[in-house]
Amino acid sequence: MKVTNENNTDTPLLTNGDLAIAAYAISQCFNAYLESYEREDFTEEMTKDQMEASMNQLQMSFTKFDSLVKVLNESGKDASDLDQNTDGDGSESQD
């Protein structure tokens, strides 16, 4: 998947803004889980351990997305600049 820094309405490619929106969405999901956890109204859907594991996964995912957005913004690059050693399918190129 190619990522670009172009305006997301002008391109079908993933933009840095899209990454920021994903990070925000994950944080909002975590906040909803946290509220549910504090009220203990999750017990019909999952156990306390499952809820805590889900919340931990959401935190880790947010940290990854947020860190990526910060690095890209600070460097003035887009994610496609960071993926120069792959051919787009996740495998390393054999150059």
N, C-alpha and C. Protein backbone atom coordinates (compact mmCIF):
# COMPACT_ATOMS: atom_id res chain seq x y z
N MET A 1 0.84 -1.17 0.00
CA MET A 1 0.00 0.00 0.00
C MET A 1 0.89 1.23 0.00
N LYS A 2 0.63 2.15 -0.90
CA LYS A 2 1.39 3.38 -0.96
C LYS A 2 0.74 4.41 -0.05
N VAL A 3 1.58 5.23 0.57
CA VAL A 3 1.11 6.30 1.43
C VAL A 3 1.66 7.60 0.89
N THR A 4 0.84 8.63 0.88
CA THR A 4 1.25 9.91 0.34
C THR A 4 0.91 11.02 1.31
N ASN A 5 1.50 12.17 1.12
CA ASN A 5 1.24 13.32 1.97
C ASN A 5 0.27 14.29 1.28
N GLU A 6 -0.33 13.86 0.17
CA GLU A 6 -1.26 14.69 -0.56
C GLU A 6 -2.57 14.83 0.21
N ASN A 7 -3.37 15.81 -0.20
CA ASN A 7 -4.69 16.00 0.38
C ASN A 7 -5.51 14.74 0.13
N ASN A 8 -6.13 14.21 1.17
CA ASN A 8 -6.82 12.92 1.03
C ASN A 8 -8.04 12.99 0.13
N THR A 9 -8.56 14.16 -0.18
CA THR A 9 -9.67 14.24 -1.12
C THR A 9 -9.20 14.24 -2.56
N ASP A 10 -7.89 14.45 -2.76
CA ASP A 10 -7.32 14.49 -4.11
C ASP A 10 -6.68 13.18 -4.54
N THR A 11 -6.57 12.21 -3.66
CA THR A 11 -5.89 10.97 -3.99
C THR A 11 -6.55 9.78 -3.31
N PRO A 12 -6.56 8.64 -4.00
CA PRO A 12 -7.10 7.42 -3.35
C PRO A 12 -6.05 6.76 -2.45
N LEU A 13 -4.82 7.27 -2.42
CA LEU A 13 -3.75 6.69 -1.62
C LEU A 13 -3.89 7.09 -0.15
N LEU A 14 -3.28 6.32 0.70
CA LEU A 14 -3.27 6.60 2.13
C LEU A 14 -2.41 7.84 2.39
N THR A 15 -2.92 8.79 3.16
CA THR A 15 -2.18 10.01 3.46
C THR A 15 -1.76 10.03 4.93
N ASN A 16 -0.85 10.96 5.25
CA ASN A 16 -0.46 11.13 6.65
C ASN A 16 -1.67 11.56 7.48
N GLY A 17 -2.56 12.35 6.88
CA GLY A 17 -3.79 12.72 7.57
C GLY A 17 -4.66 11.51 7.88
N ASP A 18 -4.69 10.56 6.96
CA ASP A 18 -5.43 9.32 7.21
C ASP A 18 -4.86 8.58 8.41
N LEU A 19 -3.52 8.57 8.51
CA LEU A 19 -2.88 7.91 9.66
C LEU A 19 -3.24 8.62 10.96
N ALA A 20 -3.30 9.95 10.92
CA ALA A 20 -3.67 10.71 12.11
C ALA A 20 -5.12 10.42 12.51
N ILE A 21 -6.00 10.32 11.51
CA ILE A 21 -7.40 9.99 11.79
C ILE A 21 -7.51 8.59 12.40
N ALA A 22 -6.73 7.66 11.89
CA ALA A 22 -6.75 6.29 12.43
C ALA A 22 -6.30 6.30 13.89
N ALA A 23 -5.24 7.06 14.19
CA ALA A 23 -4.76 7.15 15.58
C ALA A 23 -5.84 7.73 16.48
N TYR A 24 -6.51 8.77 16.00
CA TYR A 24 -7.57 9.40 16.77
C TYR A 24 -8.74 8.43 16.99
N ALA A 25 -9.11 7.71 15.95
CA ALA A 25 -10.21 6.75 16.06
C ALA A 25 -9.88 5.66 17.08
N ILE A 26 -8.64 5.19 17.07
CA ILE A 26 -8.22 4.17 18.03
C ILE A 26 -8.30 4.73 19.45
N SER A 27 -7.88 5.99 19.62
CA SER A 27 -7.93 6.59 20.97
C SER A 27 -9.37 6.72 21.44
N GLN A 28 -10.27 7.07 20.53
CA GLN A 28 -11.69 7.19 20.91
C GLN A 28 -12.27 5.82 21.27
N CYS A 29 -11.87 4.81 20.54
CA CYS A 29 -12.32 3.45 20.85
C CYS A 29 -11.81 3.04 22.23
N PHE A 30 -10.54 3.33 22.50
CA PHE A 30 -9.97 3.02 23.82
C PHE A 30 -10.75 3.74 24.91
N ASN A 31 -11.05 5.02 24.71
CA ASN A 31 -11.79 5.79 25.71
C ASN A 31 -13.17 5.18 25.97
N ALA A 32 -13.83 4.71 24.91
CA ALA A 32 -15.13 4.06 25.09
C ALA A 32 -14.98 2.76 25.88
N TYR A 33 -13.94 2.00 25.57
CA TYR A 33 -13.68 0.77 26.32
C TYR A 33 -13.38 1.10 27.78
N LEU A 34 -12.60 2.14 28.01
CA LEU A 34 -12.25 2.52 29.38
C LEU A 34 -13.50 2.90 30.18
N GLU A 35 -14.39 3.67 29.58
CA GLU A 35 -15.63 4.02 30.26
C GLU A 35 -16.45 2.77 30.59
N SER A 36 -16.53 1.87 29.64
CA SER A 36 -17.26 0.62 29.86
C SER A 36 -16.60 -0.20 30.96
N TYR A 37 -15.28 -0.24 30.95
CA TYR A 37 -14.51 -0.99 31.95
C TYR A 37 -14.75 -0.42 33.35
N GLU A 38 -14.72 0.91 33.44
CA GLU A 38 -14.92 1.54 34.75
C GLU A 38 -16.34 1.33 35.28
N ARG A 39 -17.32 1.27 34.37
CA ARG A 39 -18.71 1.01 34.78
C ARG A 39 -18.98 -0.47 34.94
N GLU A 40 -18.05 -1.30 34.51
CA GLU A 40 -18.17 -2.75 34.55
C GLU A 40 -19.41 -3.24 33.80
N ASP A 41 -19.70 -2.59 32.65
CA ASP A 41 -20.87 -3.02 31.87
C ASP A 41 -20.47 -3.76 30.59
N PHE A 42 -19.34 -4.45 30.65
CA PHE A 42 -18.83 -5.21 29.51
C PHE A 42 -19.00 -6.71 29.71
N THR A 43 -19.47 -7.11 30.85
CA THR A 43 -19.44 -8.51 31.25
C THR A 43 -20.29 -9.42 30.38
N GLU A 44 -21.26 -8.87 29.65
CA GLU A 44 -22.06 -9.72 28.76
C GLU A 44 -21.29 -10.08 27.50
N GLU A 45 -20.37 -9.21 27.10
CA GLU A 45 -19.62 -9.42 25.86
C GLU A 45 -18.30 -10.15 26.08
N MET A 46 -17.64 -9.89 27.22
CA MET A 46 -16.31 -10.48 27.45
C MET A 46 -15.97 -10.49 28.92
N THR A 47 -14.93 -11.24 29.26
CA THR A 47 -14.46 -11.30 30.64
C THR A 47 -13.59 -10.08 30.93
N LYS A 48 -13.30 -9.88 32.19
CA LYS A 48 -12.43 -8.77 32.59
C LYS A 48 -11.06 -8.91 31.94
N ASP A 49 -10.52 -10.12 31.90
CA ASP A 49 -9.21 -10.35 31.27
C ASP A 49 -9.24 -10.03 29.78
N GLN A 50 -10.32 -10.43 29.12
CA GLN A 50 -10.45 -10.14 27.69
C GLN A 50 -10.56 -8.63 27.44
N MET A 51 -11.30 -7.95 28.30
CA MET A 51 -11.44 -6.49 28.17
C MET A 51 -10.10 -5.82 28.37
N GLU A 52 -9.35 -6.23 29.39
CA GLU A 52 -8.04 -5.65 29.64
C GLU A 52 -7.08 -5.93 28.49
N ALA A 53 -7.13 -7.13 27.94
CA ALA A 53 -6.28 -7.47 26.79
C ALA A 53 -6.64 -6.60 25.58
N SER A 54 -7.92 -6.41 25.35
CA SER A 54 -8.36 -5.56 24.24
C SER A 54 -7.90 -4.12 24.43
N MET A 55 -8.01 -3.63 25.64
CA MET A 55 -7.57 -2.26 25.93
C MET A 55 -6.07 -2.11 25.74
N ASN A 56 -5.32 -3.13 26.15
CA ASN A 56 -3.87 -3.09 25.96
C ASN A 56 -3.51 -3.07 24.47
N GLN A 57 -4.22 -3.87 23.67
CA GLN A 57 -3.98 -3.90 22.23
C GLN A 57 -4.30 -2.54 21.60
N LEU A 58 -5.40 -1.94 22.03
CA LEU A 58 -5.76 -0.62 21.52
C LEU A 58 -4.69 0.42 21.88
N GLN A 59 -4.18 0.35 23.10
CA GLN A 59 -3.12 1.28 23.50
C GLN A 59 -1.88 1.10 22.66
N MET A 60 -1.49 -0.14 22.42
CA MET A 60 -0.30 -0.40 21.61
C MET A 60 -0.50 0.07 20.17
N SER A 61 -1.66 -0.19 19.62
CA SER A 61 -1.96 0.26 18.25
C SER A 61 -1.94 1.78 18.16
N PHE A 62 -2.53 2.44 19.14
CA PHE A 62 -2.52 3.90 19.13
C PHE A 62 -1.09 4.42 19.19
N THR A 63 -0.28 3.85 20.06
CA THR A 63 1.10 4.30 20.20
C THR A 63 1.86 4.16 18.89
N LYS A 64 1.65 3.06 18.20
CA LYS A 64 2.32 2.84 16.91
C LYS A 64 1.88 3.86 15.87
N PHE A 65 0.57 4.04 15.71
CA PHE A 65 0.07 5.01 14.73
C PHE A 65 0.52 6.42 15.08
N ASP A 66 0.37 6.79 16.35
CA ASP A 66 0.73 8.14 16.80
C ASP A 66 2.21 8.40 16.60
N SER A 67 3.05 7.44 16.92
CA SER A 67 4.49 7.59 16.73
C SER A 67 4.84 7.75 15.26
N LEU A 68 4.20 6.97 14.42
CA LEU A 68 4.44 7.06 12.98
C LEU A 68 4.06 8.45 12.46
N VAL A 69 2.91 8.94 12.87
CA VAL A 69 2.47 10.27 12.45
C VAL A 69 3.47 11.33 12.91
N LYS A 70 3.91 11.26 14.16
CA LYS A 70 4.87 12.25 14.68
C LYS A 70 6.18 12.21 13.91
N VAL A 71 6.70 11.02 13.65
CA VAL A 71 7.97 10.89 12.91
C VAL A 71 7.83 11.46 11.51
N LEU A 72 6.73 11.13 10.84
CA LEU A 72 6.51 11.62 9.48
C LEU A 72 6.37 13.13 9.46
N ASN A 73 5.64 13.69 10.41
CA ASN A 73 5.47 15.14 10.46
C ASN A 73 6.79 15.85 10.76
N GLU A 74 7.57 15.31 11.68
CA GLU A 74 8.85 15.93 12.04
C GLU A 74 9.86 15.86 10.89
N SER A 75 9.82 14.79 10.13
CA SER A 75 10.79 14.61 9.05
C SER A 75 10.33 15.26 7.74
N GLY A 76 9.06 15.64 7.68
CA GLY A 76 8.53 16.20 6.46
C GLY A 76 8.35 15.17 5.36
N LYS A 77 8.34 13.90 5.72
CA LYS A 77 8.21 12.81 4.75
C LYS A 77 6.81 12.22 4.82
N ASP A 78 6.52 11.40 3.84
CA ASP A 78 5.32 10.58 3.93
C ASP A 78 5.76 9.13 4.07
N ALA A 79 4.84 8.27 4.40
CA ALA A 79 5.19 6.88 4.70
C ALA A 79 5.79 6.15 3.52
N SER A 80 5.47 6.55 2.31
CA SER A 80 6.05 5.87 1.15
C SER A 80 7.56 6.08 1.08
N ASP A 81 8.06 7.20 1.65
CA ASP A 81 9.51 7.43 1.71
C ASP A 81 10.20 6.44 2.63
N LEU A 82 9.49 5.95 3.63
CA LEU A 82 10.06 5.02 4.61
C LEU A 82 10.07 3.59 4.09
N ASP A 83 9.34 3.32 3.02
CA ASP A 83 9.15 1.96 2.52
C ASP A 83 9.93 1.72 1.23
N GLN A 84 11.15 2.24 1.15
CA GLN A 84 11.94 2.15 -0.07
C GLN A 84 12.51 0.76 -0.31
N ASN A 85 12.57 -0.09 0.69
CA ASN A 85 13.15 -1.42 0.54
C ASN A 85 12.13 -2.50 0.26
N THR A 86 10.89 -2.11 -0.02
CA THR A 86 9.87 -3.11 -0.34
C THR A 86 9.28 -2.80 -1.69
N ASP A 87 8.65 -3.79 -2.27
CA ASP A 87 8.03 -3.60 -3.59
C ASP A 87 6.53 -3.37 -3.47
N GLY A 88 6.05 -3.03 -2.26
CA GLY A 88 4.65 -2.70 -2.08
C GLY A 88 3.80 -3.82 -1.53
N ASP A 89 4.31 -5.06 -1.53
CA ASP A 89 3.49 -6.17 -1.02
C ASP A 89 3.97 -6.64 0.35
N GLY A 90 4.85 -5.84 0.98
CA GLY A 90 5.32 -6.19 2.32
C GLY A 90 6.58 -7.02 2.31
N SER A 91 6.99 -7.55 1.15
CA SER A 91 8.21 -8.34 1.10
C SER A 91 9.37 -7.44 0.68
N GLU A 92 10.56 -7.78 1.13
CA GLU A 92 11.73 -7.00 0.77
C GLU A 92 12.09 -7.25 -0.68
N SER A 93 12.53 -6.16 -1.34
CA SER A 93 12.92 -6.31 -2.73
C SER A 93 14.24 -7.05 -2.82
N GLN A 94 14.45 -7.71 -3.93
CA GLN A 94 15.65 -8.52 -4.12
C GLN A 94 16.68 -7.83 -5.00
N ASP A 95 16.78 -6.49 -4.94
CA ASP A 95 17.73 -5.73 -5.76
C ASP A 95 19.15 -6.09 -5.47
